[in-house]
């Protein structure tokens, strides 16, 4: 099915952080990796443009991910969590990385938040 609507608010928050502070990078882990799967586009088109189960008034996670990518945010998905998905094709601009490699970069950031 479509990516869970529960992640829309968090991704919207990240768009706001990016706009206010000029910088944010995002790592999607666990079930959140589904937000970055390219197959969600096909599901949305098949449902008349709805990308989530909640309907047309919900813009879906792809909109927020694309906004973040367009404004220069780096978006990664955890490789191990992505391996559990039936399809592993991700949206353009989303990178796949190993959990350990991502954690090794935390020192490059002033703050790391877990949402």
PDB file of N, CA and C in Angstrom:
ATOM      1  N   UNK A   1       0.818  -1.196   0.000  1.00  0.00           N
ATOM      2  CA  UNK A   1       0.000   0.000   0.000  1.00  0.00           C
ATOM      3  C   UNK A   1       0.852   1.245   0.000  1.00  0.00           C
ATOM      4  N   UNK A   2       0.196   2.376   0.088  1.00  0.00           N
ATOM      5  CA  UNK A   2       0.884   3.671   0.080  1.00  0.00           C
ATOM      6  C   UNK A   2       1.669   3.865   1.370  1.00  0.00           C
ATOM      7  N   UNK A   3       2.629   4.758   1.307  1.00  0.00           N
ATOM      8  CA  UNK A   3       3.441   5.057   2.495  1.00  0.00           C
ATOM      9  C   UNK A   3       2.529   5.556   3.611  1.00  0.00           C
ATOM     10  N   UNK A   4       2.823   5.193   4.853  1.00  0.00           N
ATOM     11  CA  UNK A   4       1.958   5.583   5.964  1.00  0.00           C
ATOM     12  C   UNK A   4       1.829   7.096   6.107  1.00  0.00           C
ATOM     13  N   UNK A   5       0.602   7.561   6.274  1.00  0.00           N
ATOM     14  CA  UNK A   5       0.336   8.985   6.432  1.00  0.00           C
ATOM     15  C   UNK A   5       0.966   9.537   7.701  1.00  0.00           C
ATOM     16  N   UNK A   6       1.292   8.675   8.646  1.00  0.00           N
ATOM     17  CA  UNK A   6       1.852   9.133   9.914  1.00  0.00           C
ATOM     18  C   UNK A   6       3.174   9.866   9.736  1.00  0.00           C
ATOM     19  N   UNK A   7       3.866   9.660   8.634  1.00  0.00           N
ATOM     20  CA  UNK A   7       5.155  10.317   8.422  1.00  0.00           C
ATOM     21  C   UNK A   7       5.015  11.695   7.792  1.00  0.00           C
ATOM     22  N   UNK A   8       3.846  12.029   7.279  1.00  0.00           N
ATOM     23  CA  UNK A   8       3.665  13.333   6.636  1.00  0.00           C
ATOM     24  C   UNK A   8       4.006  14.482   7.567  1.00  0.00           C
ATOM     25  N   UNK A   9       3.518  14.435   8.814  1.00  0.00           N
ATOM     26  CA  UNK A   9       3.781  15.525   9.751  1.00  0.00           C
ATOM     27  C   UNK A   9       5.269  15.682  10.032  1.00  0.00           C
ATOM     28  N   UNK A  10       5.968  14.573  10.185  1.00  0.00           N
ATOM     29  CA  UNK A  10       7.408  14.646  10.459  1.00  0.00           C
ATOM     30  C   UNK A  10       8.178  15.208   9.266  1.00  0.00           C
ATOM     31  N   UNK A  11       7.801  14.792   8.073  1.00  0.00           N
ATOM     32  CA  UNK A  11       8.472  15.323   6.888  1.00  0.00           C
ATOM     33  C   UNK A  11       8.130  16.799   6.676  1.00  0.00           C
ATOM     34  N   UNK A  12       6.898  17.178   6.961  1.00  0.00           N
ATOM     35  CA  UNK A  12       6.509  18.585   6.898  1.00  0.00           C
ATOM     36  C   UNK A  12       7.326  19.403   7.900  1.00  0.00           C
ATOM     37  N   UNK A  13       7.521  18.856   9.096  1.00  0.00           N
ATOM     38  CA  UNK A  13       8.353  19.500  10.114  1.00  0.00           C
ATOM     39  C   UNK A  13       9.771  19.720   9.573  1.00  0.00           C
ATOM     40  N   UNK A  14      10.319  18.717   8.892  1.00  0.00           N
ATOM     41  CA  UNK A  14      11.670  18.837   8.345  1.00  0.00           C
ATOM     42  C   UNK A  14      11.748  19.923   7.278  1.00  0.00           C
ATOM     43  N   UNK A  15      10.689  20.070   6.471  1.00  0.00           N
ATOM     44  CA  UNK A  15      10.639  21.157   5.486  1.00  0.00           C
ATOM     45  C   UNK A  15      10.688  22.499   6.213  1.00  0.00           C
ATOM     46  N   UNK A  16       9.948  22.622   7.313  1.00  0.00           N
ATOM     47  CA  UNK A  16       9.956  23.857   8.097  1.00  0.00           C
ATOM     48  C   UNK A  16      11.299  24.142   8.723  1.00  0.00           C
ATOM     49  N   UNK A  17      11.957  23.123   9.241  1.00  0.00           N
ATOM     50  CA  UNK A  17      13.291  23.287   9.828  1.00  0.00           C
ATOM     51  C   UNK A  17      14.255  23.763   8.748  1.00  0.00           C
ATOM     52  N   UNK A  18      14.174  23.168   7.590  1.00  0.00           N
ATOM     53  CA  UNK A  18      15.040  23.550   6.475  1.00  0.00           C
ATOM     54  C   UNK A  18      14.816  25.019   6.111  1.00  0.00           C
ATOM     55  N   UNK A  19      13.562  25.431   6.057  1.00  0.00           N
ATOM     56  CA  UNK A  19      13.241  26.816   5.694  1.00  0.00           C
ATOM     57  C   UNK A  19      13.724  27.805   6.749  1.00  0.00           C
ATOM     58  N   UNK A  20      13.591  27.452   8.024  1.00  0.00           N
ATOM     59  CA  UNK A  20      13.974  28.377   9.098  1.00  0.00           C
ATOM     60  C   UNK A  20      15.466  28.410   9.361  1.00  0.00           C
ATOM     61  N   UNK A  21      16.099  27.270   9.331  1.00  0.00           N
ATOM     62  CA  UNK A  21      17.498  27.204   9.735  1.00  0.00           C
ATOM     63  C   UNK A  21      18.466  26.983   8.580  1.00  0.00           C
ATOM     64  N   UNK A  22      17.942  26.746   7.378  1.00  0.00           N
ATOM     65  CA  UNK A  22      18.783  26.635   6.194  1.00  0.00           C
ATOM     66  C   UNK A  22      19.442  25.293   5.985  1.00  0.00           C
ATOM     67  N   UNK A  23      19.225  24.369   6.896  1.00  0.00           N
ATOM     68  CA  UNK A  23      19.902  23.090   6.734  1.00  0.00           C
ATOM     69  C   UNK A  23      19.169  21.989   7.479  1.00  0.00           C
ATOM     70  N   UNK A  24      19.017  20.867   6.829  1.00  0.00           N
ATOM     71  CA  UNK A  24      18.522  19.655   7.458  1.00  0.00           C
ATOM     72  C   UNK A  24      18.782  18.505   6.493  1.00  0.00           C
ATOM     73  N   UNK A  25      19.235  17.413   7.014  1.00  0.00           N
ATOM     74  CA  UNK A  25      19.367  16.182   6.254  1.00  0.00           C
ATOM     75  C   UNK A  25      18.500  15.143   6.955  1.00  0.00           C
ATOM     76  N   UNK A  26      18.003  14.167   6.199  1.00  0.00           N
ATOM     77  CA  UNK A  26      17.051  13.205   6.748  1.00  0.00           C
ATOM     78  C   UNK A  26      17.508  11.782   6.438  1.00  0.00           C
ATOM     79  N   UNK A  27      17.426  10.930   7.450  1.00  0.00           N
ATOM     80  CA  UNK A  27      17.645   9.500   7.273  1.00  0.00           C
ATOM     81  C   UNK A  27      16.331   8.806   7.611  1.00  0.00           C
ATOM     82  N   UNK A  28      15.823   8.034   6.674  1.00  0.00           N
ATOM     83  CA  UNK A  28      14.599   7.275   6.897  1.00  0.00           C
ATOM     84  C   UNK A  28      14.977   5.853   7.288  1.00  0.00           C
ATOM     85  N   UNK A  29      14.405   5.399   8.415  1.00  0.00           N
ATOM     86  CA  UNK A  29      14.704   4.055   8.917  1.00  0.00           C
ATOM     87  C   UNK A  29      13.398   3.348   9.234  1.00  0.00           C
ATOM     88  N   UNK A  30      13.478   2.059   9.431  1.00  0.00           N
ATOM     89  CA  UNK A  30      12.298   1.271   9.774  1.00  0.00           C
ATOM     90  C   UNK A  30      11.248   1.384   8.683  1.00  0.00           C
ATOM     91  N   UNK A  31       9.984   1.435   9.089  1.00  0.00           N
ATOM     92  CA  UNK A  31       8.902   1.498   8.104  1.00  0.00           C
ATOM     93  C   UNK A  31       8.882   2.827   7.347  1.00  0.00           C
ATOM     94  N   UNK A  32       9.591   3.833   7.843  1.00  0.00           N
ATOM     95  CA  UNK A  32       9.642   5.131   7.157  1.00  0.00           C
ATOM     96  C   UNK A  32      10.338   5.038   5.800  1.00  0.00           C
ATOM     97  N   UNK A  33      11.140   4.000   5.561  1.00  0.00           N
ATOM     98  CA  UNK A  33      11.788   3.871   4.252  1.00  0.00           C
ATOM     99  C   UNK A  33      10.740   3.765   3.145  1.00  0.00           C
ATOM    100  N   UNK A  34       9.539   3.294   3.479  1.00  0.00           N
ATOM    101  CA  UNK A  34       8.464   3.207   2.491  1.00  0.00           C
ATOM    102  C   UNK A  34       8.086   4.544   1.901  1.00  0.00           C
ATOM    103  N   UNK A  35       8.367   5.628   2.617  1.00  0.00           N
ATOM    104  CA  UNK A  35       8.069   6.971   2.106  1.00  0.00           C
ATOM    105  C   UNK A  35       8.905   7.308   0.888  1.00  0.00           C
ATOM    106  N   UNK A  36      10.061   6.705   0.757  1.00  0.00           N
ATOM    107  CA  UNK A  36      10.986   7.034  -0.323  1.00  0.00           C
ATOM    108  C   UNK A  36      10.928   6.042  -1.480  1.00  0.00           C
ATOM    109  N   UNK A  37      10.072   5.033  -1.393  1.00  0.00           N
ATOM    110  CA  UNK A  37       9.996   4.054  -2.470  1.00  0.00           C
ATOM    111  C   UNK A  37       9.341   4.643  -3.701  1.00  0.00           C
ATOM    112  N   UNK A  38       9.958   4.436  -4.845  1.00  0.00           N
ATOM    113  CA  UNK A  38       9.448   4.960  -6.095  1.00  0.00           C
ATOM    114  C   UNK A  38       8.120   4.297  -6.474  1.00  0.00           C
ATOM    115  N   UNK A  39       7.853   3.117  -5.989  1.00  0.00           N
ATOM    116  CA  UNK A  39       6.614   2.412  -6.323  1.00  0.00           C
ATOM    117  C   UNK A  39       5.390   3.137  -5.785  1.00  0.00           C
ATOM    118  N   UNK A  40       5.548   3.983  -4.787  1.00  0.00           N
ATOM    119  CA  UNK A  40       4.423   4.725  -4.237  1.00  0.00           C
ATOM    120  C   UNK A  40       3.817   5.638  -5.298  1.00  0.00           C
ATOM    121  N   UNK A  41       4.624   6.126  -6.237  1.00  0.00           N
ATOM    122  CA  UNK A  41       4.119   6.978  -7.309  1.00  0.00           C
ATOM    123  C   UNK A  41       3.084   6.226  -8.139  1.00  0.00           C
ATOM    124  N   UNK A  42       3.409   4.996  -8.490  1.00  0.00           N
ATOM    125  CA  UNK A  42       2.494   4.197  -9.294  1.00  0.00           C
ATOM    126  C   UNK A  42       1.205   3.908  -8.534  1.00  0.00           C
ATOM    127  N   UNK A  43       1.311   3.656  -7.255  1.00  0.00           N
ATOM    128  CA  UNK A  43       0.136   3.411  -6.433  1.00  0.00           C
ATOM    129  C   UNK A  43      -0.727   4.655  -6.383  1.00  0.00           C
ATOM    130  N   UNK A  44      -0.104   5.836  -6.224  1.00  0.00           N
ATOM    131  CA  UNK A  44      -0.851   7.083  -6.187  1.00  0.00           C
ATOM    132  C   UNK A  44      -1.576   7.344  -7.495  1.00  0.00           C
ATOM    133  N   UNK A  45      -0.915   7.077  -8.613  1.00  0.00           N
ATOM    134  CA  UNK A  45      -1.550   7.288  -9.912  1.00  0.00           C
ATOM    135  C   UNK A  45      -2.735   6.350 -10.096  1.00  0.00           C
ATOM    136  N   UNK A  46      -2.603   5.129  -9.635  1.00  0.00           N
ATOM    137  CA  UNK A  46      -3.690   4.163  -9.755  1.00  0.00           C
ATOM    138  C   UNK A  46      -4.886   4.545  -8.893  1.00  0.00           C
ATOM    139  N   UNK A  47      -4.652   5.339  -7.848  1.00  0.00           N
ATOM    140  CA  UNK A  47      -5.726   5.765  -6.956  1.00  0.00           C
ATOM    141  C   UNK A  47      -6.192   7.185  -7.267  1.00  0.00           C
ATOM    142  N   UNK A  48      -6.056   7.609  -8.507  1.00  0.00           N
ATOM    143  CA  UNK A  48      -6.527   8.932  -8.899  1.00  0.00           C
ATOM    144  C   UNK A  48      -5.688  10.063  -8.346  1.00  0.00           C
ATOM    145  N   UNK A  49      -4.425   9.811  -8.066  1.00  0.00           N
ATOM    146  CA  UNK A  49      -3.531  10.838  -7.568  1.00  0.00           C
ATOM    147  C   UNK A  49      -3.333  10.805  -6.066  1.00  0.00           C
ATOM    148  N   UNK A  50      -4.148  10.042  -5.347  1.00  0.00           N
ATOM    149  CA  UNK A  50      -3.981   9.937  -3.897  1.00  0.00           C
ATOM    150  C   UNK A  50      -2.756   9.084  -3.612  1.00  0.00           C
ATOM    151  N   UNK A  51      -1.831   9.617  -2.813  1.00  0.00           N
ATOM    152  CA  UNK A  51      -0.627   8.864  -2.498  1.00  0.00           C
ATOM    153  C   UNK A  51      -0.697   8.231  -1.116  1.00  0.00           C
ATOM    154  N   UNK A  52      -1.749   8.487  -0.399  1.00  0.00           N
ATOM    155  CA  UNK A  52      -1.912   7.862   0.906  1.00  0.00           C
ATOM    156  C   UNK A  52      -3.353   7.410   1.044  1.00  0.00           C
ATOM    157  N   UNK A  53      -3.600   6.572   2.002  1.00  0.00           N
ATOM    158  CA  UNK A  53      -4.940   6.037   2.199  1.00  0.00           C
ATOM    159  C   UNK A  53      -5.911   7.099   2.688  1.00  0.00           C
ATOM    160  N   UNK A  54      -5.427   8.248   3.161  1.00  0.00           N
ATOM    161  CA  UNK A  54      -6.310   9.228   3.772  1.00  0.00           C
ATOM    162  C   UNK A  54      -6.987  10.155   2.769  1.00  0.00           C
ATOM    163  N   UNK A  55      -6.598  10.132   1.506  1.00  0.00           N
ATOM    164  CA  UNK A  55      -7.336  10.892   0.510  1.00  0.00           C
ATOM    165  C   UNK A  55      -6.589  12.054  -0.103  1.00  0.00           C
ATOM    166  N   UNK A  56      -7.286  12.798  -0.957  1.00  0.00           N
ATOM    167  CA  UNK A  56      -6.675  13.857  -1.749  1.00  0.00           C
ATOM    168  C   UNK A  56      -6.200  15.046  -0.934  1.00  0.00           C
ATOM    169  N   UNK A  57      -6.778  15.274   0.250  1.00  0.00           N
ATOM    170  CA  UNK A  57      -6.366  16.418   1.053  1.00  0.00           C
ATOM    171  C   UNK A  57      -5.014  16.194   1.726  1.00  0.00           C
ATOM    172  N   UNK A  58      -4.474  15.012   1.617  1.00  0.00           N
ATOM    173  CA  UNK A  58      -3.191  14.672   2.208  1.00  0.00           C
ATOM    174  C   UNK A  58      -2.151  14.629   1.089  1.00  0.00           C
ATOM    175  N   UNK A  59      -1.166  15.548   1.073  1.00  0.00           N
ATOM    176  CA  UNK A  59      -0.231  15.617  -0.036  1.00  0.00           C
ATOM    177  C   UNK A  59       0.723  14.437  -0.137  1.00  0.00           C
ATOM    178  N   UNK A  60       0.866  13.651   0.881  1.00  0.00           N
ATOM    179  CA  UNK A  60       1.735  12.485   0.826  1.00  0.00           C
ATOM    180  C   UNK A  60       3.192  12.812   1.058  1.00  0.00           C
ATOM    181  N   UNK A  61       3.936  11.819   1.458  1.00  0.00           N
ATOM    182  CA  UNK A  61       5.340  12.041   1.799  1.00  0.00           C
ATOM    183  C   UNK A  61       6.224  12.408   0.612  1.00  0.00           C
ATOM    184  N   UNK A  62       5.858  11.979  -0.598  1.00  0.00           N
ATOM    185  CA  UNK A  62       6.701  12.302  -1.754  1.00  0.00           C
ATOM    186  C   UNK A  62       6.825  13.804  -1.962  1.00  0.00           C
ATOM    187  N   UNK A  63       5.749  14.520  -1.744  1.00  0.00           N
ATOM    188  CA  UNK A  63       5.785  15.977  -1.923  1.00  0.00           C
ATOM    189  C   UNK A  63       6.824  16.598  -1.002  1.00  0.00           C
ATOM    190  N   UNK A  64       6.825  16.193   0.259  1.00  0.00           N
ATOM    191  CA  UNK A  64       7.765  16.761   1.221  1.00  0.00           C
ATOM    192  C   UNK A  64       9.191  16.307   0.939  1.00  0.00           C
ATOM    193  N   UNK A  65       9.369  15.058   0.555  1.00  0.00           N
ATOM    194  CA  UNK A  65      10.713  14.589   0.222  1.00  0.00           C
ATOM    195  C   UNK A  65      11.265  15.338  -0.986  1.00  0.00           C
ATOM    196  N   UNK A  66      10.445  15.538  -1.991  1.00  0.00           N
ATOM    197  CA  UNK A  66      10.896  16.280  -3.177  1.00  0.00           C
ATOM    198  C   UNK A  66      11.241  17.730  -2.837  1.00  0.00           C
ATOM    199  N   UNK A  67      10.450  18.341  -1.957  1.00  0.00           N
ATOM    200  CA  UNK A  67      10.757  19.711  -1.533  1.00  0.00           C
ATOM    201  C   UNK A  67      12.107  19.751  -0.838  1.00  0.00           C
ATOM    202  N   UNK A  68      12.346  18.804   0.056  1.00  0.00           N
ATOM    203  CA  UNK A  68      13.627  18.756   0.762  1.00  0.00           C
ATOM    204  C   UNK A  68      14.786  18.552  -0.207  1.00  0.00           C
ATOM    205  N   UNK A  69      14.626  17.635  -1.144  1.00  0.00           N
ATOM    206  CA  UNK A  69      15.685  17.370  -2.122  1.00  0.00           C
ATOM    207  C   UNK A  69      15.938  18.613  -2.974  1.00  0.00           C
ATOM    208  N   UNK A  70      14.872  19.237  -3.446  1.00  0.00           N
ATOM    209  CA  UNK A  70      14.987  20.426  -4.303  1.00  0.00           C
ATOM    210  C   UNK A  70      15.700  21.570  -3.583  1.00  0.00           C
ATOM    211  N   UNK A  71      15.536  21.656  -2.264  1.00  0.00           N
ATOM    212  CA  UNK A  71      16.152  22.745  -1.509  1.00  0.00           C
ATOM    213  C   UNK A  71      17.529  22.383  -0.952  1.00  0.00           C
ATOM    214  N   UNK A  72      18.040  21.233  -1.342  1.00  0.00           N
ATOM    215  CA  UNK A  72      19.411  20.886  -0.993  1.00  0.00           C
ATOM    216  C   UNK A  72      19.607  19.943   0.166  1.00  0.00           C
ATOM    217  N   UNK A  73      18.537  19.428   0.736  1.00  0.00           N
ATOM    218  CA  UNK A  73      18.687  18.470   1.839  1.00  0.00           C
ATOM    219  C   UNK A  73      19.130  17.118   1.289  1.00  0.00           C
ATOM    220  N   UNK A  74      19.963  16.447   2.038  1.00  0.00           N
ATOM    221  CA  UNK A  74      20.339  15.087   1.687  1.00  0.00           C
ATOM    222  C   UNK A  74      19.318  14.143   2.321  1.00  0.00           C
ATOM    223  N   UNK A  75      18.819  13.196   1.544  1.00  0.00           N
ATOM    224  CA  UNK A  75      17.862  12.214   2.034  1.00  0.00           C
ATOM    225  C   UNK A  75      18.473  10.837   1.836  1.00  0.00           C
ATOM    226  N   UNK A  76      18.558  10.095   2.929  1.00  0.00           N
ATOM    227  CA  UNK A  76      19.076   8.732   2.881  1.00  0.00           C
ATOM    228  C   UNK A  76      18.027   7.762   3.400  1.00  0.00           C
ATOM    229  N   UNK A  77      18.093   6.534   2.918  1.00  0.00           N
ATOM    230  CA  UNK A  77      17.332   5.450   3.525  1.00  0.00           C
ATOM    231  C   UNK A  77      18.321   4.412   4.011  1.00  0.00           C
ATOM    232  N   UNK A  78      17.969   3.806   5.126  1.00  0.00           N
ATOM    233  CA  UNK A  78      18.808   2.772   5.717  1.00  0.00           C
ATOM    234  C   UNK A  78      18.736   1.512   4.857  1.00  0.00           C
ATOM    235  N   UNK A  79      19.891   1.056   4.415  1.00  0.00           N
ATOM    236  CA  UNK A  79      19.975  -0.085   3.506  1.00  0.00           C
ATOM    237  C   UNK A  79      19.356  -1.352   4.092  1.00  0.00           C
ATOM    238  N   UNK A  80      19.621  -1.624   5.354  1.00  0.00           N
ATOM    239  CA  UNK A  80      19.094  -2.841   5.981  1.00  0.00           C
ATOM    240  C   UNK A  80      17.568  -2.805   6.060  1.00  0.00           C
ATOM    241  N   UNK A  81      17.004  -1.648   6.372  1.00  0.00           N
ATOM    242  CA  UNK A  81      15.548  -1.526   6.453  1.00  0.00           C
ATOM    243  C   UNK A  81      14.912  -1.571   5.066  1.00  0.00           C
ATOM    244  N   UNK A  82      15.590  -1.031   4.091  1.00  0.00           N
ATOM    245  CA  UNK A  82      15.095  -1.058   2.718  1.00  0.00           C
ATOM    246  C   UNK A  82      15.076  -2.491   2.184  1.00  0.00           C
ATOM    247  N   UNK A  83      16.017  -3.311   2.633  1.00  0.00           N
ATOM    248  CA  UNK A  83      16.090  -4.694   2.171  1.00  0.00           C
ATOM    249  C   UNK A  83      14.829  -5.472   2.509  1.00  0.00           C
ATOM    250  N   UNK A  84      14.091  -5.053   3.520  1.00  0.00           N
ATOM    251  CA  UNK A  84      12.858  -5.736   3.887  1.00  0.00           C
ATOM    252  C   UNK A  84      11.670  -5.349   3.026  1.00  0.00           C
ATOM    253  N   UNK A  85      11.839  -4.372   2.133  1.00  0.00           N
ATOM    254  CA  UNK A  85      10.740  -3.931   1.269  1.00  0.00           C
ATOM    255  C   UNK A  85      10.667  -4.813   0.029  1.00  0.00           C
ATOM    256  N   UNK A  86       9.465  -5.031  -0.491  1.00  0.00           N
ATOM    257  CA  UNK A  86       9.339  -5.869  -1.689  1.00  0.00           C
ATOM    258  C   UNK A  86       9.985  -5.238  -2.915  1.00  0.00           C
ATOM    259  N   UNK A  87      10.024  -3.915  -2.974  1.00  0.00           N
ATOM    260  CA  UNK A  87      10.659  -3.199  -4.069  1.00  0.00           C
ATOM    261  C   UNK A  87      11.630  -2.211  -3.447  1.00  0.00           C
ATOM    262  N   UNK A  88      12.841  -2.162  -3.957  1.00  0.00           N
ATOM    263  CA  UNK A  88      13.855  -1.313  -3.338  1.00  0.00           C
ATOM    264  C   UNK A  88      14.225  -0.102  -4.193  1.00  0.00           C
ATOM    265  N   UNK A  89      13.432   0.204  -5.225  1.00  0.00           N
ATOM    266  CA  UNK A  89      13.694   1.391  -6.039  1.00  0.00           C
ATOM    267  C   UNK A  89      13.243   2.622  -5.265  1.00  0.00           C
ATOM    268  N   UNK A  90      14.163   3.584  -5.102  1.00  0.00           N
ATOM    269  CA  UNK A  90      13.847   4.801  -4.348  1.00  0.00           C
ATOM    270  C   UNK A  90      13.689   5.978  -5.300  1.00  0.00           C
ATOM    271  N   UNK A  91      13.060   7.037  -4.804  1.00  0.00           N
ATOM    272  CA  UNK A  91      12.879   8.261  -5.580  1.00  0.00           C
ATOM    273  C   UNK A  91      14.220   8.837  -6.002  1.00  0.00           C
ATOM    274  N   UNK A  92      14.239   9.547  -7.124  1.00  0.00           N
ATOM    275  CA  UNK A  92      15.448  10.249  -7.554  1.00  0.00           C
ATOM    276  C   UNK A  92      15.864  11.235  -6.478  1.00  0.00           C
ATOM    277  N   UNK A  93      17.145  11.255  -6.161  1.00  0.00           N
ATOM    278  CA  UNK A  93      17.662  12.167  -5.150  1.00  0.00           C
ATOM    279  C   UNK A  93      17.771  11.554  -3.776  1.00  0.00           C
ATOM    280  N   UNK A  94      17.284  10.332  -3.612  1.00  0.00           N
ATOM    281  CA  UNK A  94      17.378   9.630  -2.336  1.00  0.00           C
ATOM    282  C   UNK A  94      18.528   8.630  -2.435  1.00  0.00           C
ATOM    283  N   UNK A  95      19.405   8.644  -1.441  1.00  0.00           N
ATOM    284  CA  UNK A  95      20.553   7.745  -1.419  1.00  0.00           C
ATOM    285  C   UNK A  95      20.309   6.608  -0.428  1.00  0.00           C
ATOM    286  N   UNK A  96      20.903   5.477  -0.713  1.00  0.00           N
ATOM    287  CA  UNK A  96      20.823   4.309   0.171  1.00  0.00           C
ATOM    288  C   UNK A  96      22.181   4.159   0.838  1.00  0.00           C
ATOM    289  N   UNK A  97      22.183   3.978   2.161  1.00  0.00           N
ATOM    290  CA  UNK A  97      23.453   3.863   2.883  1.00  0.00           C
ATOM    291  C   UNK A  97      23.342   2.840   3.997  1.00  0.00           C
ATOM    292  N   UNK A  98      24.451   2.296   4.370  1.00  0.00           N
ATOM    293  CA  UNK A  98      24.575   1.352   5.466  1.00  0.00           C
ATOM    294  C   UNK A  98      24.409   2.073   6.803  1.00  0.00           C
ATOM    295  N   UNK A  99      23.757   1.433   7.746  1.00  0.00           N
ATOM    296  CA  UNK A  99      23.512   2.015   9.069  1.00  0.00           C
ATOM    297  C   UNK A  99      24.798   2.497   9.729  1.00  0.00           C
ATOM    298  N   UNK A 100      25.831   1.680   9.701  1.00  0.00           N
ATOM    299  CA  UNK A 100      27.098   2.048  10.342  1.00  0.00           C
ATOM    300  C   UNK A 100      27.747   3.259   9.663  1.00  0.00           C
ATOM    301  N   UNK A 101      27.647   3.323   8.330  1.00  0.00           N
ATOM    302  CA  UNK A 101      28.220   4.459   7.609  1.00  0.00           C
ATOM    303  C   UNK A 101      27.473   5.754   7.962  1.00  0.00           C
ATOM    304  N   UNK A 102      26.172   5.654   8.126  1.00  0.00           N
ATOM    305  CA  UNK A 102      25.399   6.835   8.506  1.00  0.00           C
ATOM    306  C   UNK A 102      25.773   7.293   9.913  1.00  0.00           C
ATOM    307  N   UNK A 103      25.854   6.366  10.843  1.00  0.00           N
ATOM    308  CA  UNK A 103      26.199   6.711  12.228  1.00  0.00           C
ATOM    309  C   UNK A 103      27.611   7.292  12.324  1.00  0.00           C
ATOM    310  N   UNK A 104      28.502   6.837  11.481  1.00  0.00           N
ATOM    311  CA  UNK A 104      29.881   7.335  11.498  1.00  0.00           C
ATOM    312  C   UNK A 104      29.962   8.806  11.094  1.00  0.00           C
ATOM    313  N   UNK A 105      28.909   9.345  10.462  1.00  0.00           N
ATOM    314  CA  UNK A 105      28.902  10.746  10.024  1.00  0.00           C
ATOM    315  C   UNK A 105      28.260  11.683  11.038  1.00  0.00           C
ATOM    316  N   UNK A 106      27.717  11.166  12.119  1.00  0.00           N
ATOM    317  CA  UNK A 106      27.009  12.016  13.084  1.00  0.00           C
ATOM    318  C   UNK A 106      27.870  13.144  13.610  1.00  0.00           C
ATOM    319  N   UNK A 107      29.170  12.922  13.734  1.00  0.00           N
ATOM    320  CA  UNK A 107      30.050  13.969  14.265  1.00  0.00           C
ATOM    321  C   UNK A 107      30.112  15.190  13.353  1.00  0.00           C
ATOM    322  N   UNK A 108      29.682  15.067  12.102  1.00  0.00           N
ATOM    323  CA  UNK A 108      29.681  16.180  11.159  1.00  0.00           C
ATOM    324  C   UNK A 108      28.536  17.167  11.422  1.00  0.00           C
ATOM    325  N   UNK A 109      27.599  16.762  12.258  1.00  0.00           N
ATOM    326  CA  UNK A 109      26.407  17.572  12.514  1.00  0.00           C
ATOM    327  C   UNK A 109      26.454  18.195  13.899  1.00  0.00           C
ATOM    328  N   UNK A 110      25.916  19.406  13.990  1.00  0.00           N
ATOM    329  CA  UNK A 110      25.818  20.079  15.289  1.00  0.00           C
ATOM    330  C   UNK A 110      24.822  19.359  16.190  1.00  0.00           C
ATOM    331  N   UNK A 111      23.737  18.882  15.603  1.00  0.00           N
ATOM    332  CA  UNK A 111      22.716  18.164  16.353  1.00  0.00           C
ATOM    333  C   UNK A 111      22.216  16.993  15.517  1.00  0.00           C
ATOM    334  N   UNK A 112      21.838  15.922  16.197  1.00  0.00           N
ATOM    335  CA  UNK A 112      21.200  14.769  15.554  1.00  0.00           C
ATOM    336  C   UNK A 112      19.937  14.490  16.327  1.00  0.00           C
ATOM    337  N   UNK A 113      18.789  14.509  15.630  1.00  0.00           N
ATOM    338  CA  UNK A 113      17.501  14.278  16.275  1.00  0.00           C
ATOM    339  C   UNK A 113      16.938  12.959  15.812  1.00  0.00           C
ATOM    340  N   UNK A 114      16.267  12.270  16.704  1.00  0.00           N
ATOM    341  CA  UNK A 114      15.563  11.038  16.385  1.00  0.00           C
ATOM    342  C   UNK A 114      14.079  11.307  16.541  1.00  0.00           C
ATOM    343  N   UNK A 115      13.341  11.303  15.448  1.00  0.00           N
ATOM    344  CA  UNK A 115      11.911  11.605  15.495  1.00  0.00           C
ATOM    345  C   UNK A 115      11.105  10.383  15.128  1.00  0.00           C
TER     346      UNK A 115
END
